[in-house]
Amino acid sequence: MLETERLILRRWEESDAANLYEYAKDPDVGPIAGWPAHQSIDESRDVIALRADM
């Protein structure tokens, strides 16, 4: 975790899946960042779980 006076950066948690999906489902966001747009909240949840293992 990285914390400053105005910002807290932390790892994604499973409870963040719906919020991640709202952002990651946009077809104009993912490809620019290097991933395909997410198709479901479950896909976002899977991505979070995959990153947790890294």
N, C-alpha and C. Protein backbone atom coordinates (compact mmCIF):
# COMPACT_ATOMS: atom_id res chain seq x y z
N MET A 1 0.84 -1.17 0.00
CA MET A 1 0.00 0.00 0.00
C MET A 1 0.89 1.23 0.00
N LEU A 2 0.43 2.23 -0.71
CA LEU A 2 1.11 3.52 -0.77
C LEU A 2 0.12 4.56 -0.29
N GLU A 3 0.52 5.33 0.69
CA GLU A 3 -0.39 6.32 1.25
C GLU A 3 0.29 7.68 1.34
N THR A 4 -0.43 8.70 0.84
CA THR A 4 0.02 10.07 0.98
C THR A 4 -1.10 10.86 1.65
N GLU A 5 -0.91 12.12 1.79
CA GLU A 5 -1.92 12.96 2.41
C GLU A 5 -3.24 12.94 1.62
N ARG A 6 -3.15 12.81 0.29
CA ARG A 6 -4.34 12.90 -0.54
C ARG A 6 -4.70 11.62 -1.29
N LEU A 7 -3.90 10.56 -1.13
CA LEU A 7 -4.11 9.37 -1.95
C LEU A 7 -3.76 8.11 -1.18
N ILE A 8 -4.55 7.07 -1.37
CA ILE A 8 -4.24 5.75 -0.85
C ILE A 8 -4.32 4.78 -2.03
N LEU A 9 -3.23 4.12 -2.35
CA LEU A 9 -3.18 3.09 -3.38
C LEU A 9 -3.05 1.75 -2.68
N ARG A 10 -3.91 0.82 -3.04
CA ARG A 10 -3.86 -0.51 -2.46
C ARG A 10 -4.18 -1.53 -3.54
N ARG A 11 -3.92 -2.78 -3.23
CA ARG A 11 -4.26 -3.85 -4.16
C ARG A 11 -5.77 -3.96 -4.29
N TRP A 12 -6.22 -4.43 -5.46
CA TRP A 12 -7.63 -4.72 -5.65
C TRP A 12 -8.05 -5.81 -4.68
N GLU A 13 -9.28 -5.72 -4.20
CA GLU A 13 -9.87 -6.75 -3.35
C GLU A 13 -11.11 -7.28 -4.07
N GLU A 14 -11.52 -8.51 -3.74
CA GLU A 14 -12.68 -9.11 -4.40
C GLU A 14 -13.91 -8.21 -4.29
N SER A 15 -14.03 -7.50 -3.20
CA SER A 15 -15.17 -6.59 -3.02
C SER A 15 -15.15 -5.41 -3.99
N ASP A 16 -14.05 -5.22 -4.71
CA ASP A 16 -13.92 -4.14 -5.69
C ASP A 16 -14.38 -4.56 -7.08
N ALA A 17 -14.81 -5.80 -7.26
CA ALA A 17 -15.10 -6.33 -8.59
C ALA A 17 -16.13 -5.49 -9.35
N ALA A 18 -17.21 -5.10 -8.71
CA ALA A 18 -18.23 -4.31 -9.40
C ALA A 18 -17.68 -2.95 -9.85
N ASN A 19 -16.88 -2.34 -9.01
CA ASN A 19 -16.29 -1.04 -9.38
C ASN A 19 -15.29 -1.21 -10.52
N LEU A 20 -14.48 -2.26 -10.47
CA LEU A 20 -13.53 -2.51 -11.55
C LEU A 20 -14.30 -2.75 -12.85
N TYR A 21 -15.35 -3.55 -12.79
CA TYR A 21 -16.11 -3.85 -13.99
C TYR A 21 -16.70 -2.58 -14.63
N GLU A 22 -17.22 -1.68 -13.83
CA GLU A 22 -17.79 -0.44 -14.36
C GLU A 22 -16.77 0.32 -15.20
N TYR A 23 -15.53 0.27 -14.82
CA TYR A 23 -14.46 0.95 -15.55
C TYR A 23 -13.96 0.09 -16.71
N ALA A 24 -13.72 -1.19 -16.42
CA ALA A 24 -13.05 -2.07 -17.38
C ALA A 24 -13.95 -2.55 -18.51
N LYS A 25 -15.28 -2.39 -18.39
CA LYS A 25 -16.17 -2.82 -19.46
C LYS A 25 -16.19 -1.84 -20.63
N ASP A 26 -15.70 -0.65 -20.42
CA ASP A 26 -15.69 0.38 -21.46
C ASP A 26 -14.71 -0.02 -22.57
N PRO A 27 -15.20 -0.21 -23.80
CA PRO A 27 -14.31 -0.64 -24.89
C PRO A 27 -13.27 0.40 -25.28
N ASP A 28 -13.40 1.62 -24.79
CA ASP A 28 -12.40 2.64 -25.06
C ASP A 28 -11.31 2.68 -23.99
N VAL A 29 -11.47 1.92 -22.92
CA VAL A 29 -10.49 1.94 -21.83
C VAL A 29 -9.52 0.77 -21.93
N GLY A 30 -10.03 -0.44 -21.93
CA GLY A 30 -9.18 -1.63 -21.89
C GLY A 30 -8.14 -1.72 -22.98
N PRO A 31 -8.54 -1.64 -24.25
CA PRO A 31 -7.54 -1.79 -25.31
C PRO A 31 -6.39 -0.80 -25.23
N ILE A 32 -6.67 0.42 -24.81
CA ILE A 32 -5.59 1.40 -24.67
C ILE A 32 -4.64 0.99 -23.56
N ALA A 33 -5.18 0.35 -22.51
CA ALA A 33 -4.37 -0.09 -21.39
C ALA A 33 -3.75 -1.47 -21.62
N GLY A 34 -4.15 -2.15 -22.69
CA GLY A 34 -3.54 -3.43 -23.02
C GLY A 34 -4.36 -4.65 -22.66
N TRP A 35 -5.65 -4.48 -22.38
CA TRP A 35 -6.50 -5.65 -22.11
C TRP A 35 -7.83 -5.47 -22.82
N PRO A 36 -8.50 -6.59 -23.14
CA PRO A 36 -9.83 -6.47 -23.75
C PRO A 36 -10.85 -6.01 -22.71
N ALA A 37 -11.91 -5.37 -23.17
CA ALA A 37 -12.96 -4.92 -22.26
C ALA A 37 -13.54 -6.12 -21.52
N HIS A 38 -13.80 -5.96 -20.23
CA HIS A 38 -14.38 -7.04 -19.44
C HIS A 38 -15.83 -7.25 -19.86
N GLN A 39 -16.25 -8.51 -19.86
CA GLN A 39 -17.59 -8.87 -20.30
C GLN A 39 -18.56 -9.09 -19.15
N SER A 40 -18.04 -9.21 -17.91
CA SER A 40 -18.92 -9.46 -16.76
C SER A 40 -18.18 -9.11 -15.47
N ILE A 41 -18.96 -8.98 -14.40
CA ILE A 41 -18.36 -8.78 -13.08
C ILE A 41 -17.53 -9.99 -12.70
N ASP A 42 -17.98 -11.18 -13.10
CA ASP A 42 -17.20 -12.38 -12.80
C ASP A 42 -15.82 -12.33 -13.45
N GLU A 43 -15.74 -11.81 -14.66
CA GLU A 43 -14.44 -11.67 -15.32
C GLU A 43 -13.56 -10.70 -14.52
N SER A 44 -14.12 -9.61 -14.07
CA SER A 44 -13.36 -8.66 -13.25
C SER A 44 -12.90 -9.33 -11.96
N ARG A 45 -13.78 -10.13 -11.35
CA ARG A 45 -13.43 -10.86 -10.13
C ARG A 45 -12.27 -11.84 -10.40
N ASP A 46 -12.31 -12.50 -11.56
CA ASP A 46 -11.23 -13.43 -11.93
C ASP A 46 -9.90 -12.69 -12.11
N VAL A 47 -9.96 -11.52 -12.71
CA VAL A 47 -8.74 -10.72 -12.90
C VAL A 47 -8.16 -10.32 -11.54
N ILE A 48 -9.02 -9.92 -10.63
CA ILE A 48 -8.55 -9.56 -9.28
C ILE A 48 -7.89 -10.77 -8.61
N ALA A 49 -8.53 -11.93 -8.72
CA ALA A 49 -7.98 -13.14 -8.11
C ALA A 49 -6.64 -13.52 -8.73
N LEU A 50 -6.52 -13.37 -10.04
CA LEU A 50 -5.28 -13.69 -10.72
C LEU A 50 -4.15 -12.78 -10.26
N ARG A 51 -4.44 -11.51 -10.11
CA ARG A 51 -3.43 -10.54 -9.67
C ARG A 51 -3.05 -10.75 -8.20
N ALA A 52 -3.96 -11.27 -7.41
CA ALA A 52 -3.67 -11.52 -5.99
C ALA A 52 -2.60 -12.60 -5.84
N ASP A 53 -2.51 -13.49 -6.82
CA ASP A 53 -1.53 -14.58 -6.76
C ASP A 53 -0.14 -14.12 -7.19
N MET A 54 -0.02 -12.93 -7.70
CA MET A 54 1.28 -12.45 -8.20
C MET A 54 2.11 -11.87 -7.09
